[in-house]
Amino acid sequence: MVDKSVQNETFYELDKAKQTAIVLLFEDKLSDEQIAKTVNRSRTTLSNWKKDNKFKQAQIEYRRVAIDSYVPDAIKRLHKLAIGAKSEMVSLQAAQSILSMAGFGSVDSSPELEQAKIEKAKADVRKLTAEADIKEAEAKAVGNTDSSGITLEIIRTDRRGQSDETKS
């Protein structure tokens, strides 16, 4: 087991008021004003602490150690879901999460998902090829084209505004 005091070295270098403030900030139950009162400091002092690099580093260390302490319970919960969930999807997702954490692949990836992605990409290519073939056939089917393949439409109007369409 890793010694938490080693992981929290910067945290333990701080005085008790700063340590308490870091814990209270992490718990996120009190306002900054209430935290400042709890540690017998002003709101401005707490604000200055929050800007200090050593205080920030201590917050990061504390957060990491605190969250690490939640991991065993989270894994136990995932295991219960994986073996006992009524929903197959919930059970599968829990099992995938456990496998991912154990280094056996990503939660966002599975052989089935990867195969589905490949099949979708192939279908997309087939669709685009068919659309291109349709456009090419439409272009060939257009009549009255000159040697450059451009269709010209000339509309003449007489003095009365009536049109006389001529294609050339």
C-alpha atoms as a PDB file:
ATOM      1  CA  MET A   1       0.000   0.000   0.000  1.00  0.00           C
ATOM      2  CA  VAL A   2       1.247   3.491  -0.862  1.00  0.00           C
ATOM      3  CA  ASP A   3       1.757   5.903   2.029  1.00  0.00           C
ATOM      4  CA  LYS A   4      -0.775   8.701   1.529  1.00  0.00           C
ATOM      5  CA  SER A   5       1.480  11.199   3.295  1.00  0.00           C
ATOM      6  CA  VAL A   6       4.063  10.708   0.538  1.00  0.00           C
ATOM      7  CA  GLN A   7       1.399  11.263  -2.112  1.00  0.00           C
ATOM      8  CA  ASN A   8       0.216  14.354  -0.214  1.00  0.00           C
ATOM      9  CA  GLU A   9       3.621  15.841   0.552  1.00  0.00           C
ATOM     10  CA  THR A  10       2.722  19.429  -0.350  1.00  0.00           C
ATOM     11  CA  PHE A  11      -0.616  19.147   1.467  1.00  0.00           C
ATOM     12  CA  TYR A  12       1.123  18.180   4.727  1.00  0.00           C
ATOM     13  CA  GLU A  13       3.611  21.051   4.393  1.00  0.00           C
ATOM     14  CA  LEU A  14       0.720  23.527   4.744  1.00  0.00           C
ATOM     15  CA  ASP A  15      -0.626  24.775   8.071  1.00  0.00           C
ATOM     16  CA  LYS A  16      -3.812  23.304   9.537  1.00  0.00           C
ATOM     17  CA  ALA A  17      -6.030  26.194   8.341  1.00  0.00           C
ATOM     18  CA  LYS A  18      -4.963  25.702   4.709  1.00  0.00           C
ATOM     19  CA  GLN A  19      -5.342  21.926   4.952  1.00  0.00           C
ATOM     20  CA  THR A  20      -8.858  22.348   6.341  1.00  0.00           C
ATOM     21  CA  ALA A  21      -9.697  24.841   3.601  1.00  0.00           C
ATOM     22  CA  ILE A  22      -8.519  22.363   0.936  1.00  0.00           C
ATOM     23  CA  VAL A  23     -10.649  19.579   2.415  1.00  0.00           C
ATOM     24  CA  LEU A  24     -13.706  21.856   2.585  1.00  0.00           C
ATOM     25  CA  LEU A  25     -13.155  23.110  -0.957  1.00  0.00           C
ATOM     26  CA  PHE A  26     -12.950  19.509  -2.171  1.00  0.00           C
ATOM     27  CA  GLU A  27     -16.173  18.541  -0.372  1.00  0.00           C
ATOM     28  CA  ASP A  28     -17.910  21.473  -2.088  1.00  0.00           C
ATOM     29  CA  LYS A  29     -20.640  21.821   0.548  1.00  0.00           C
ATOM     30  CA  LEU A  30     -19.824  25.318   1.817  1.00  0.00           C
ATOM     31  CA  SER A  31     -19.430  28.671   0.117  1.00  0.00           C
ATOM     32  CA  ASP A  32     -16.018  30.339   0.089  1.00  0.00           C
ATOM     33  CA  GLU A  33     -17.349  32.766   2.710  1.00  0.00           C
ATOM     34  CA  GLN A  34     -18.328  29.881   5.010  1.00  0.00           C
ATOM     35  CA  ILE A  35     -14.993  28.116   4.477  1.00  0.00           C
ATOM     36  CA  ALA A  36     -13.102  31.321   5.332  1.00  0.00           C
ATOM     37  CA  LYS A  37     -15.111  31.651   8.572  1.00  0.00           C
ATOM     38  CA  THR A  38     -14.482  27.999   9.450  1.00  0.00           C
ATOM     39  CA  VAL A  39     -10.707  28.469   9.202  1.00  0.00           C
ATOM     40  CA  ASN A  40     -10.836  31.891  10.924  1.00  0.00           C
ATOM     41  CA  ARG A  41      -9.640  33.824   7.895  1.00  0.00           C
ATOM     42  CA  SER A  42     -11.159  36.446   5.621  1.00  0.00           C
ATOM     43  CA  ARG A  43     -12.705  35.680   2.262  1.00  0.00           C
ATOM     44  CA  THR A  44      -9.873  37.679   0.666  1.00  0.00           C
ATOM     45  CA  THR A  45      -7.259  35.513   2.387  1.00  0.00           C
ATOM     46  CA  LEU A  46      -8.942  32.347   1.098  1.00  0.00           C
ATOM     47  CA  SER A  47      -9.049  33.875  -2.378  1.00  0.00           C
ATOM     48  CA  ASN A  48      -5.314  34.619  -2.178  1.00  0.00           C
ATOM     49  CA  TRP A  49      -4.596  31.049  -1.025  1.00  0.00           C
ATOM     50  CA  LYS A  50      -6.501  29.697  -4.032  1.00  0.00           C
ATOM     51  CA  LYS A  51      -4.163  31.655  -6.343  1.00  0.00           C
ATOM     52  CA  ASP A  52      -0.999  30.358  -4.648  1.00  0.00           C
ATOM     53  CA  ASN A  53       0.813  27.612  -6.607  1.00  0.00           C
ATOM     54  CA  LYS A  54       1.710  25.582  -3.527  1.00  0.00           C
ATOM     55  CA  PHE A  55      -1.934  25.669  -2.381  1.00  0.00           C
ATOM     56  CA  LYS A  56      -3.060  24.614  -5.869  1.00  0.00           C
ATOM     57  CA  GLN A  57      -0.575  21.722  -5.863  1.00  0.00           C
ATOM     58  CA  ALA A  58      -1.801  20.634  -2.432  1.00  0.00           C
ATOM     59  CA  GLN A  59      -5.380  20.693  -3.755  1.00  0.00           C
ATOM     60  CA  ILE A  60      -4.391  18.445  -6.669  1.00  0.00           C
ATOM     61  CA  GLU A  61      -2.615  16.011  -4.338  1.00  0.00           C
ATOM     62  CA  TYR A  62      -5.517  15.916  -1.893  1.00  0.00           C
ATOM     63  CA  ARG A  63      -8.049  15.408  -4.698  1.00  0.00           C
ATOM     64  CA  ARG A  64      -6.044  12.504  -6.123  1.00  0.00           C
ATOM     65  CA  VAL A  65      -5.737  10.744  -2.755  1.00  0.00           C
ATOM     66  CA  ALA A  66      -9.379  11.397  -1.828  1.00  0.00           C
ATOM     67  CA  ILE A  67     -10.642  10.073  -5.151  1.00  0.00           C
ATOM     68  CA  ASP A  68      -8.328   7.074  -4.939  1.00  0.00           C
ATOM     69  CA  SER A  69     -10.100   6.149  -1.714  1.00  0.00           C
ATOM     70  CA  TYR A  70     -13.404   5.913  -3.647  1.00  0.00           C
ATOM     71  CA  VAL A  71     -12.045   3.467  -6.215  1.00  0.00           C
ATOM     72  CA  PRO A  72     -12.509   0.201  -4.282  1.00  0.00           C
ATOM     73  CA  ASP A  73     -16.171   0.978  -3.592  1.00  0.00           C
ATOM     74  CA  ALA A  74     -16.722   2.033  -7.192  1.00  0.00           C
ATOM     75  CA  ILE A  75     -15.207  -1.197  -8.484  1.00  0.00           C
ATOM     76  CA  LYS A  76     -17.334  -3.241  -6.066  1.00  0.00           C
ATOM     77  CA  ARG A  77     -20.433  -1.417  -7.331  1.00  0.00           C
ATOM     78  CA  LEU A  78     -19.461  -2.047 -10.947  1.00  0.00           C
ATOM     79  CA  HIS A  79     -18.920  -5.724 -10.142  1.00  0.00           C
ATOM     80  CA  LYS A  80     -22.390  -5.971  -8.577  1.00  0.00           C
ATOM     81  CA  LEU A  81     -23.882  -4.380 -11.685  1.00  0.00           C
ATOM     82  CA  ALA A  82     -21.902  -6.642 -13.998  1.00  0.00           C
ATOM     83  CA  ILE A  83     -23.177  -9.825 -12.346  1.00  0.00           C
ATOM     84  CA  GLY A  84     -26.578  -8.765 -11.038  1.00  0.00           C
ATOM     85  CA  ALA A  85     -28.109  -6.053 -13.191  1.00  0.00           C
ATOM     86  CA  LYS A  86     -31.550  -6.798 -14.600  1.00  0.00           C
ATOM     87  CA  SER A  87     -30.648  -4.981 -17.806  1.00  0.00           C
ATOM     88  CA  GLU A  88     -28.249  -6.764 -20.130  1.00  0.00           C
ATOM     89  CA  MET A  89     -26.977  -3.381 -21.350  1.00  0.00           C
ATOM     90  CA  VAL A  90     -26.160  -2.201 -17.811  1.00  0.00           C
ATOM     91  CA  SER A  91     -24.430  -5.486 -17.087  1.00  0.00           C
ATOM     92  CA  LEU A  92     -22.406  -5.259 -20.307  1.00  0.00           C
ATOM     93  CA  GLN A  93     -21.385  -1.646 -19.695  1.00  0.00           C
ATOM     94  CA  ALA A  94     -20.283  -2.446 -16.139  1.00  0.00           C
ATOM     95  CA  ALA A  95     -18.237  -5.414 -17.346  1.00  0.00           C
ATOM     96  CA  GLN A  96     -16.650  -3.290 -20.098  1.00  0.00           C
ATOM     97  CA  SER A  97     -15.738  -0.609 -17.556  1.00  0.00           C
ATOM     98  CA  ILE A  98     -14.041  -3.158 -15.307  1.00  0.00           C
ATOM     99  CA  LEU A  99     -12.136  -4.648 -18.244  1.00  0.00           C
ATOM    100  CA  SER A 100     -11.071  -1.203 -19.409  1.00  0.00           C
ATOM    101  CA  MET A 101      -9.746  -0.281 -15.961  1.00  0.00           C
ATOM    102  CA  ALA A 102      -7.855  -3.567 -15.911  1.00  0.00           C
ATOM    103  CA  GLY A 103      -6.165  -2.642 -19.202  1.00  0.00           C
ATOM    104  CA  PHE A 104      -8.152  -4.927 -21.485  1.00  0.00           C
ATOM    105  CA  GLY A 105      -9.449  -2.285 -23.874  1.00  0.00           C
ATOM    106  CA  SER A 106     -11.365   0.926 -23.964  1.00  0.00           C
ATOM    107  CA  VAL A 107     -14.855   1.429 -22.579  1.00  0.00           C
ATOM    108  CA  ASP A 108     -15.663   3.105 -25.901  1.00  0.00           C
ATOM    109  CA  SER A 109     -14.445   0.170 -27.948  1.00  0.00           C
ATOM    110  CA  SER A 110     -15.228  -3.491 -28.419  1.00  0.00           C
ATOM    111  CA  PRO A 111     -14.694  -5.920 -31.291  1.00  0.00           C
ATOM    112  CA  GLU A 112     -18.391  -5.697 -32.136  1.00  0.00           C
ATOM    113  CA  LEU A 113     -18.318  -1.884 -32.127  1.00  0.00           C
ATOM    114  CA  GLU A 114     -15.191  -1.805 -34.289  1.00  0.00           C
ATOM    115  CA  GLN A 115     -16.789  -4.246 -36.770  1.00  0.00           C
ATOM    116  CA  ALA A 116     -19.936  -2.094 -36.880  1.00  0.00           C
ATOM    117  CA  LYS A 117     -17.808   0.982 -37.604  1.00  0.00           C
ATOM    118  CA  ILE A 118     -16.070  -0.839 -40.471  1.00  0.00           C
ATOM    119  CA  GLU A 119     -19.401  -1.990 -41.932  1.00  0.00           C
ATOM    120  CA  LYS A 120     -20.790   1.550 -41.720  1.00  0.00           C
ATOM    121  CA  ALA A 121     -17.715   2.946 -43.487  1.00  0.00           C
ATOM    122  CA  LYS A 122     -18.114   0.362 -46.259  1.00  0.00           C
ATOM    123  CA  ALA A 123     -21.802   1.245 -46.626  1.00  0.00           C
ATOM    124  CA  ASP A 124     -20.909   4.940 -46.801  1.00  0.00           C
ATOM    125  CA  VAL A 125     -18.401   4.243 -49.586  1.00  0.00           C
ATOM    126  CA  ARG A 126     -20.999   2.187 -51.512  1.00  0.00           C
ATOM    127  CA  LYS A 127     -23.537   5.006 -51.146  1.00  0.00           C
ATOM    128  CA  LEU A 128     -21.092   7.663 -52.349  1.00  0.00           C
ATOM    129  CA  THR A 129     -20.041   5.496 -55.300  1.00  0.00           C
ATOM    130  CA  ALA A 130     -23.687   4.954 -56.294  1.00  0.00           C
ATOM    131  CA  GLU A 131     -24.394   8.687 -56.044  1.00  0.00           C
ATOM    132  CA  ALA A 132     -21.365   9.420 -58.226  1.00  0.00           C
ATOM    133  CA  ASP A 133     -22.553   6.836 -60.795  1.00  0.00           C
ATOM    134  CA  ILE A 134     -26.006   8.445 -60.841  1.00  0.00           C
ATOM    135  CA  LYS A 135     -24.552  11.904 -61.420  1.00  0.00           C
ATOM    136  CA  GLU A 136     -22.362  10.574 -64.212  1.00  0.00           C
ATOM    137  CA  ALA A 137     -25.343   8.875 -65.890  1.00  0.00           C
ATOM    138  CA  GLU A 138     -27.400  12.065 -65.576  1.00  0.00           C
ATOM    139  CA  ALA A 139     -24.610  14.045 -67.202  1.00  0.00           C
ATOM    140  CA  LYS A 140     -24.460  11.584 -70.134  1.00  0.00           C
ATOM    141  CA  ALA A 141     -28.236  11.601 -70.528  1.00  0.00           C
ATOM    142  CA  VAL A 142     -28.447  15.358 -71.024  1.00  0.00           C
ATOM    143  CA  GLY A 143     -29.273  15.966 -74.698  1.00  0.00           C
ATOM    144  CA  ASN A 144     -28.315  18.798 -77.034  1.00  0.00           C
ATOM    145  CA  THR A 145     -24.776  19.159 -75.855  1.00  0.00           C
ATOM    146  CA  ASP A 146     -22.052  20.614 -77.961  1.00  0.00           C
ATOM    147  CA  SER A 147     -18.623  19.055 -78.287  1.00  0.00           C
ATOM    148  CA  SER A 148     -17.470  20.580 -75.005  1.00  0.00           C
ATOM    149  CA  GLY A 149     -20.324  18.943 -73.114  1.00  0.00           C
ATOM    150  CA  ILE A 150     -21.950  22.260 -72.251  1.00  0.00           C
ATOM    151  CA  THR A 151     -25.658  22.790 -72.881  1.00  0.00           C
ATOM    152  CA  LEU A 152     -26.609  26.250 -74.068  1.00  0.00           C
ATOM    153  CA  GLU A 153     -30.120  27.576 -73.862  1.00  0.00           C
ATOM    154  CA  ILE A 154     -30.917  30.794 -75.710  1.00  0.00           C
ATOM    155  CA  ILE A 155     -34.197  32.509 -75.110  1.00  0.00           C
ATOM    156  CA  ARG A 156     -35.182  35.284 -77.524  1.00  0.00           C
ATOM    157  CA  THR A 157     -38.047  37.623 -76.935  1.00  0.00           C
ATOM    158  CA  ASP A 158     -39.820  39.659 -79.541  1.00  0.00           C
ATOM    159  CA  ARG A 159     -41.016  43.223 -79.070  1.00  0.00           C
ATOM    160  CA  ARG A 160     -44.189  42.046 -77.374  1.00  0.00           C
ATOM    161  CA  GLY A 161     -42.189  40.175 -74.684  1.00  0.00           C
ATOM    162  CA  GLN A 162     -43.081  36.716 -75.948  1.00  0.00           C
ATOM    163  CA  SER A 163     -40.257  34.233 -75.889  1.00  0.00           C
ATOM    164  CA  ASP A 164     -39.042  32.067 -78.678  1.00  0.00           C
ATOM    165  CA  GLU A 165     -36.815  29.348 -77.150  1.00  0.00           C
ATOM    166  CA  THR A 166     -34.069  28.034 -79.316  1.00  0.00           C
ATOM    167  CA  LYS A 167     -31.466  25.504 -78.253  1.00  0.00           C
ATOM    168  CA  SER A 168     -28.123  25.330 -79.933  1.00  0.00           C
END
